[in-house]
Amino acid sequence: MAKYKIDEKLQSETKEFIKNVLKKLKSDGEKIDDSWNASLYLMAGYYDTIITCDKELSTSGLTVLDRFNSTVAHPLIKVKNDASIQLQKLLIEFLLTKKSALRINDVTSEDDSPLMQFVNNKKKVETR
């Protein structure tokens, strides 16, 4: 597979976001693997969808009239929320959120876990 290339059709905000993601991954010492291209492509698409929905919602408003002339939530709100959820999942997968980074720090400090404390105490008791 080829190196990930930012799609020129994306909005400028999305291009900047993906550039920052790639920069962050490289600064963390990660080698951008070719198998990540699909996930990076999806991440860019979801982010672009969110930006597009934001722009449209800011001009047309959060509510619209349905066929019965009742005020209902704009359909793009659901599209934006769905894209946000999927983007959040990808960000967590790439460890680009504070929560995922904290979870990794917890896993790396297994020496302090209750299980490891129990195992270490058991070894001390057996050595008497």
N, C-alpha and C. Protein backbone atom coordinates (compact mmCIF):
# COMPACT_ATOMS: atom_id res chain seq x y z
N MET A 1 0.83 -1.19 0.00
CA MET A 1 0.00 0.00 0.00
C MET A 1 0.87 1.25 0.00
N ALA A 2 0.30 2.31 -0.47
CA ALA A 2 1.04 3.57 -0.54
C ALA A 2 0.91 4.36 0.75
N LYS A 3 1.79 5.32 0.90
CA LYS A 3 1.74 6.21 2.04
C LYS A 3 0.41 6.98 2.04
N TYR A 4 -0.10 7.26 3.22
CA TYR A 4 -1.39 7.97 3.33
C TYR A 4 -1.25 9.37 2.74
N LYS A 5 -2.17 9.71 1.86
CA LYS A 5 -2.21 11.04 1.26
C LYS A 5 -3.53 11.70 1.64
N ILE A 6 -3.46 12.95 2.02
CA ILE A 6 -4.66 13.69 2.39
C ILE A 6 -5.43 14.02 1.12
N ASP A 7 -6.70 13.66 1.11
CA ASP A 7 -7.56 13.88 -0.04
C ASP A 7 -7.74 15.38 -0.27
N GLU A 8 -7.55 15.80 -1.50
CA GLU A 8 -7.67 17.23 -1.83
C GLU A 8 -9.12 17.72 -1.79
N LYS A 9 -10.09 16.80 -1.83
CA LYS A 9 -11.50 17.19 -1.81
C LYS A 9 -11.97 17.60 -0.42
N LEU A 10 -11.18 17.28 0.59
CA LEU A 10 -11.57 17.60 1.97
C LEU A 10 -11.50 19.10 2.21
N GLN A 11 -12.28 19.54 3.19
CA GLN A 11 -12.27 20.94 3.57
C GLN A 11 -10.95 21.30 4.25
N SER A 12 -10.61 22.57 4.25
CA SER A 12 -9.32 23.01 4.80
C SER A 12 -9.20 22.66 6.28
N GLU A 13 -10.30 22.75 7.03
CA GLU A 13 -10.27 22.40 8.45
C GLU A 13 -9.91 20.93 8.65
N THR A 14 -10.46 20.08 7.79
CA THR A 14 -10.19 18.64 7.89
C THR A 14 -8.74 18.34 7.52
N LYS A 15 -8.24 18.99 6.49
CA LYS A 15 -6.85 18.79 6.10
C LYS A 15 -5.92 19.16 7.24
N GLU A 16 -6.20 20.27 7.90
CA GLU A 16 -5.38 20.72 9.03
C GLU A 16 -5.47 19.72 10.19
N PHE A 17 -6.66 19.21 10.45
CA PHE A 17 -6.86 18.23 11.51
C PHE A 17 -6.04 16.97 11.24
N ILE A 18 -6.11 16.45 10.02
CA ILE A 18 -5.39 15.22 9.68
C ILE A 18 -3.88 15.46 9.73
N LYS A 19 -3.43 16.63 9.29
CA LYS A 19 -2.00 16.95 9.40
C LYS A 19 -1.56 16.93 10.85
N ASN A 20 -2.38 17.47 11.75
CA ASN A 20 -2.06 17.46 13.18
C ASN A 20 -2.08 16.04 13.75
N VAL A 21 -3.01 15.21 13.30
CA VAL A 21 -3.06 13.82 13.75
C VAL A 21 -1.78 13.10 13.33
N LEU A 22 -1.40 13.24 12.08
CA LEU A 22 -0.19 12.59 11.59
C LEU A 22 1.04 13.10 12.32
N LYS A 23 1.08 14.40 12.57
CA LYS A 23 2.21 14.99 13.30
C LYS A 23 2.28 14.44 14.72
N LYS A 24 1.12 14.30 15.37
CA LYS A 24 1.07 13.77 16.74
C LYS A 24 1.52 12.31 16.78
N LEU A 25 1.05 11.53 15.82
CA LEU A 25 1.45 10.12 15.77
C LEU A 25 2.95 9.98 15.56
N LYS A 26 3.50 10.80 14.68
CA LYS A 26 4.94 10.73 14.42
C LYS A 26 5.74 11.23 15.62
N SER A 27 5.24 12.25 16.32
CA SER A 27 5.96 12.77 17.48
C SER A 27 5.95 11.78 18.64
N ASP A 28 4.94 10.91 18.68
CA ASP A 28 4.89 9.87 19.71
C ASP A 28 5.79 8.69 19.38
N GLY A 29 6.52 8.80 18.28
CA GLY A 29 7.43 7.74 17.90
C GLY A 29 6.77 6.61 17.12
N GLU A 30 5.54 6.84 16.69
CA GLU A 30 4.82 5.81 15.94
C GLU A 30 5.26 5.83 14.49
N LYS A 31 5.41 4.66 13.92
CA LYS A 31 5.66 4.53 12.49
C LYS A 31 4.29 4.40 11.86
N ILE A 32 3.96 5.29 10.93
CA ILE A 32 2.66 5.25 10.29
C ILE A 32 2.62 4.02 9.40
N ASP A 33 1.90 3.01 9.85
CA ASP A 33 1.82 1.74 9.14
C ASP A 33 0.83 1.85 7.98
N ASP A 34 1.10 1.14 6.90
CA ASP A 34 0.21 1.18 5.74
C ASP A 34 -1.19 0.67 6.08
N SER A 35 -1.29 -0.21 7.05
CA SER A 35 -2.60 -0.74 7.42
C SER A 35 -3.49 0.31 8.10
N TRP A 36 -2.90 1.42 8.48
CA TRP A 36 -3.68 2.49 9.11
C TRP A 36 -4.39 3.37 8.10
N ASN A 37 -4.05 3.25 6.83
CA ASN A 37 -4.60 4.15 5.81
C ASN A 37 -6.13 4.18 5.81
N ALA A 38 -6.75 3.01 5.93
CA ALA A 38 -8.21 2.96 5.92
C ALA A 38 -8.79 3.70 7.13
N SER A 39 -8.19 3.50 8.28
CA SER A 39 -8.68 4.18 9.49
C SER A 39 -8.47 5.69 9.39
N LEU A 40 -7.33 6.10 8.86
CA LEU A 40 -7.07 7.53 8.69
C LEU A 40 -8.04 8.14 7.67
N TYR A 41 -8.35 7.37 6.63
CA TYR A 41 -9.31 7.82 5.64
C TYR A 41 -10.69 8.01 6.28
N LEU A 42 -11.10 7.03 7.10
CA LEU A 42 -12.38 7.14 7.80
C LEU A 42 -12.39 8.32 8.77
N MET A 43 -11.27 8.50 9.49
CA MET A 43 -11.17 9.61 10.44
C MET A 43 -11.36 10.94 9.71
N ALA A 44 -10.72 11.08 8.57
CA ALA A 44 -10.85 12.32 7.79
C ALA A 44 -12.28 12.50 7.31
N GLY A 45 -12.91 11.41 6.87
CA GLY A 45 -14.28 11.49 6.39
C GLY A 45 -15.26 11.88 7.48
N TYR A 46 -15.11 11.29 8.65
CA TYR A 46 -15.99 11.63 9.77
C TYR A 46 -15.81 13.08 10.19
N TYR A 47 -14.55 13.51 10.28
CA TYR A 47 -14.30 14.89 10.68
C TYR A 47 -14.86 15.85 9.64
N ASP A 48 -14.71 15.53 8.37
CA ASP A 48 -15.23 16.37 7.31
C ASP A 48 -16.76 16.45 7.37
N THR A 49 -17.39 15.33 7.70
CA THR A 49 -18.85 15.30 7.85
C THR A 49 -19.28 16.22 8.98
N ILE A 50 -18.56 16.18 10.09
CA ILE A 50 -18.89 17.03 11.23
C ILE A 50 -18.77 18.50 10.86
N ILE A 51 -17.69 18.86 10.16
CA ILE A 51 -17.49 20.25 9.74
C ILE A 51 -18.60 20.69 8.79
N THR A 52 -18.95 19.83 7.84
CA THR A 52 -20.01 20.15 6.88
C THR A 52 -21.33 20.36 7.60
N CYS A 53 -21.66 19.47 8.53
CA CYS A 53 -22.91 19.60 9.29
C CYS A 53 -22.91 20.89 10.11
N ASP A 54 -21.78 21.20 10.75
CA ASP A 54 -21.69 22.43 11.55
C ASP A 54 -21.98 23.66 10.69
N LYS A 55 -21.39 23.69 9.51
CA LYS A 55 -21.59 24.86 8.62
C LYS A 55 -23.05 24.97 8.19
N GLU A 56 -23.63 23.84 7.82
CA GLU A 56 -25.03 23.86 7.38
C GLU A 56 -25.97 24.20 8.53
N LEU A 57 -25.71 23.64 9.71
CA LEU A 57 -26.57 23.94 10.86
C LEU A 57 -26.45 25.38 11.30
N SER A 58 -25.28 25.97 11.14
CA SER A 58 -25.13 27.37 11.54
C SER A 58 -25.89 28.30 10.60
N THR A 59 -26.07 27.90 9.35
CA THR A 59 -26.82 28.76 8.43
C THR A 59 -28.32 28.46 8.44
N SER A 60 -28.71 27.19 8.54
CA SER A 60 -30.13 26.86 8.45
C SER A 60 -30.82 26.71 9.80
N GLY A 61 -30.04 26.61 10.88
CA GLY A 61 -30.63 26.49 12.21
C GLY A 61 -30.75 25.05 12.65
N LEU A 62 -31.06 24.88 13.92
CA LEU A 62 -31.14 23.55 14.52
C LEU A 62 -32.48 22.87 14.32
N THR A 63 -33.47 23.62 13.87
CA THR A 63 -34.80 23.03 13.64
C THR A 63 -35.25 23.33 12.22
N VAL A 64 -36.12 22.47 11.74
CA VAL A 64 -36.74 22.65 10.42
C VAL A 64 -38.22 22.32 10.54
N LEU A 65 -38.97 22.70 9.52
CA LEU A 65 -40.39 22.35 9.49
C LEU A 65 -40.55 21.04 8.72
N ASP A 66 -41.32 20.11 9.29
CA ASP A 66 -41.55 18.86 8.59
C ASP A 66 -42.74 19.02 7.64
N ARG A 67 -43.17 17.92 7.04
CA ARG A 67 -44.26 17.99 6.05
C ARG A 67 -45.60 18.38 6.66
N PHE A 68 -45.71 18.30 7.99
CA PHE A 68 -46.95 18.69 8.67
C PHE A 68 -46.84 20.09 9.26
N ASN A 69 -45.81 20.81 8.90
CA ASN A 69 -45.53 22.17 9.39
C ASN A 69 -45.24 22.21 10.88
N SER A 70 -44.72 21.12 11.41
CA SER A 70 -44.30 21.07 12.80
C SER A 70 -42.80 21.29 12.87
N THR A 71 -42.35 21.92 13.91
CA THR A 71 -40.92 22.15 14.10
C THR A 71 -40.28 20.88 14.67
N VAL A 72 -39.25 20.40 13.98
CA VAL A 72 -38.53 19.21 14.41
C VAL A 72 -37.03 19.50 14.35
N ALA A 73 -36.28 18.66 15.01
CA ALA A 73 -34.83 18.81 14.98
C ALA A 73 -34.32 18.59 13.55
N HIS A 74 -33.32 19.35 13.18
CA HIS A 74 -32.73 19.23 11.85
C HIS A 74 -32.14 17.83 11.69
N PRO A 75 -32.37 17.17 10.56
CA PRO A 75 -31.84 15.81 10.35
C PRO A 75 -30.31 15.73 10.41
N LEU A 76 -29.63 16.81 10.11
CA LEU A 76 -28.17 16.81 10.15
C LEU A 76 -27.62 16.67 11.57
N ILE A 77 -28.44 16.95 12.56
CA ILE A 77 -27.98 16.79 13.95
C ILE A 77 -27.65 15.32 14.20
N LYS A 78 -28.50 14.42 13.74
CA LYS A 78 -28.24 12.99 13.91
C LYS A 78 -27.01 12.56 13.11
N VAL A 79 -26.87 13.08 11.91
CA VAL A 79 -25.70 12.76 11.08
C VAL A 79 -24.42 13.21 11.79
N LYS A 80 -24.45 14.42 12.34
CA LYS A 80 -23.29 14.96 13.05
C LYS A 80 -22.98 14.13 14.28
N ASN A 81 -24.00 13.77 15.05
CA ASN A 81 -23.78 12.97 16.26
C ASN A 81 -23.21 11.59 15.92
N ASP A 82 -23.74 10.96 14.88
CA ASP A 82 -23.23 9.65 14.48
C ASP A 82 -21.77 9.74 14.04
N ALA A 83 -21.43 10.76 13.26
CA ALA A 83 -20.05 10.95 12.83
C ALA A 83 -19.14 11.24 14.02
N SER A 84 -19.64 12.00 14.98
CA SER A 84 -18.85 12.31 16.18
C SER A 84 -18.53 11.06 16.99
N ILE A 85 -19.51 10.18 17.12
CA ILE A 85 -19.30 8.94 17.86
C ILE A 85 -18.24 8.08 17.17
N GLN A 86 -18.36 7.94 15.86
CA GLN A 86 -17.39 7.13 15.13
C GLN A 86 -16.00 7.74 15.16
N LEU A 87 -15.92 9.06 15.06
CA LEU A 87 -14.63 9.74 15.14
C LEU A 87 -14.01 9.54 16.51
N GLN A 88 -14.81 9.64 17.55
CA GLN A 88 -14.31 9.44 18.92
C GLN A 88 -13.75 8.03 19.09
N LYS A 89 -14.42 7.04 18.54
CA LYS A 89 -13.92 5.65 18.62
C LYS A 89 -12.56 5.52 17.93
N LEU A 90 -12.41 6.15 16.77
CA LEU A 90 -11.13 6.09 16.07
C LEU A 90 -10.04 6.83 16.83
N LEU A 91 -10.38 7.97 17.41
CA LEU A 91 -9.40 8.72 18.19
C LEU A 91 -8.92 7.91 19.39
N ILE A 92 -9.83 7.21 20.02
CA ILE A 92 -9.45 6.36 21.15
C ILE A 92 -8.56 5.22 20.67
N GLU A 93 -8.91 4.64 19.52
CA GLU A 93 -8.11 3.54 18.97
C GLU A 93 -6.68 3.98 18.67
N PHE A 94 -6.52 5.22 18.22
CA PHE A 94 -5.19 5.75 17.92
C PHE A 94 -4.54 6.41 19.13
N LEU A 95 -5.18 6.30 20.31
CA LEU A 95 -4.67 6.87 21.56
C LEU A 95 -4.49 8.38 21.47
N LEU A 96 -5.43 9.04 20.84
CA LEU A 96 -5.34 10.48 20.67
C LEU A 96 -6.27 11.25 21.61
N THR A 97 -6.82 10.58 22.60
CA THR A 97 -7.63 11.26 23.59
C THR A 97 -6.96 11.15 24.95
N LYS A 98 -7.27 12.07 25.82
CA LYS A 98 -6.71 12.05 27.17
C LYS A 98 -7.11 10.77 27.90
N LYS A 99 -8.36 10.36 27.72
CA LYS A 99 -8.86 9.17 28.40
C LYS A 99 -8.08 7.92 27.97
N SER A 100 -7.84 7.78 26.66
CA SER A 100 -7.11 6.59 26.20
C SER A 100 -5.66 6.62 26.65
N ALA A 101 -5.06 7.81 26.70
CA ALA A 101 -3.69 7.91 27.17
C ALA A 101 -3.60 7.54 28.65
N LEU A 102 -4.57 7.95 29.44
CA LEU A 102 -4.58 7.61 30.86
C LEU A 102 -4.79 6.11 31.05
N ARG A 103 -5.61 5.51 30.21
CA ARG A 103 -5.85 4.07 30.31
C ARG A 103 -4.57 3.30 30.00
N ILE A 104 -3.81 3.74 29.03
CA ILE A 104 -2.54 3.09 28.71
C ILE A 104 -1.56 3.26 29.87
N ASN A 105 -1.53 4.43 30.48
CA ASN A 105 -0.65 4.63 31.64
C ASN A 105 -1.02 3.71 32.78
N ASP A 106 -2.31 3.44 32.96
CA ASP A 106 -2.75 2.52 34.01
C ASP A 106 -2.29 1.10 33.71
N VAL A 107 -2.32 0.71 32.46
CA VAL A 107 -1.91 -0.64 32.08
C VAL A 107 -0.41 -0.81 32.26
N THR A 108 0.36 0.22 31.95
CA THR A 108 1.81 0.11 32.06
C THR A 108 2.27 0.08 33.51
N SER A 109 1.47 0.53 34.43
CA SER A 109 1.87 0.51 35.84
C SER A 109 1.22 -0.66 36.56
N GLU A 110 1.35 -1.86 35.99
CA GLU A 110 0.74 -3.05 36.58
C GLU A 110 1.40 -3.46 37.89
N ASP A 111 2.63 -2.99 38.14
CA ASP A 111 3.30 -3.35 39.38
C ASP A 111 2.53 -2.88 40.60
N ASP A 112 1.73 -1.83 40.44
CA ASP A 112 0.96 -1.29 41.56
C ASP A 112 -0.43 -1.90 41.66
N SER A 113 -0.79 -2.76 40.72
CA SER A 113 -2.14 -3.31 40.73
C SER A 113 -2.30 -4.25 41.93
N PRO A 114 -3.53 -4.42 42.41
CA PRO A 114 -3.77 -5.32 43.54
C PRO A 114 -3.31 -6.75 43.26
N LEU A 115 -3.46 -7.21 42.03
CA LEU A 115 -3.02 -8.56 41.69
C LEU A 115 -1.51 -8.68 41.84
N MET A 116 -0.77 -7.70 41.33
CA MET A 116 0.69 -7.76 41.42
C MET A 116 1.15 -7.63 42.88
N GLN A 117 0.46 -6.83 43.67
CA GLN A 117 0.81 -6.72 45.08
C GLN A 117 0.59 -8.05 45.78
N PHE A 118 -0.50 -8.74 45.47
CA PHE A 118 -0.77 -10.04 46.06
C PHE A 118 0.30 -11.06 45.66
N VAL A 119 0.65 -11.07 44.38
CA VAL A 119 1.66 -12.02 43.90
C VAL A 119 3.01 -11.73 44.55
N ASN A 120 3.38 -10.47 44.66
CA ASN A 120 4.65 -10.11 45.28
C ASN A 120 4.67 -10.48 46.75
N ASN A 121 3.57 -10.27 47.47
CA ASN A 121 3.50 -10.64 48.88
C ASN A 121 3.56 -12.14 49.04
N LYS A 122 2.93 -12.88 48.16
CA LYS A 122 2.95 -14.34 48.21
C LYS A 122 4.38 -14.86 48.04
N LYS A 123 5.14 -14.24 47.15
CA LYS A 123 6.54 -14.64 46.93
C LYS A 123 7.36 -14.37 48.18
N LYS A 124 7.10 -13.24 48.85
CA LYS A 124 7.85 -12.92 50.06
C LYS A 124 7.55 -13.91 51.18
N VAL A 125 6.31 -14.33 51.30
CA VAL A 125 5.91 -15.27 52.34
C VAL A 125 6.55 -16.63 52.09
N GLU A 126 6.62 -17.07 50.86
CA GLU A 126 7.17 -18.38 50.53
C GLU A 126 8.68 -18.46 50.72
N THR A 127 9.37 -17.35 50.70
CA THR A 127 10.83 -17.36 50.80
C THR A 127 11.33 -17.45 52.23
N ARG A 128 10.49 -17.51 53.21
CA ARG A 128 10.92 -17.58 54.60
C ARG A 128 11.62 -18.82 54.93
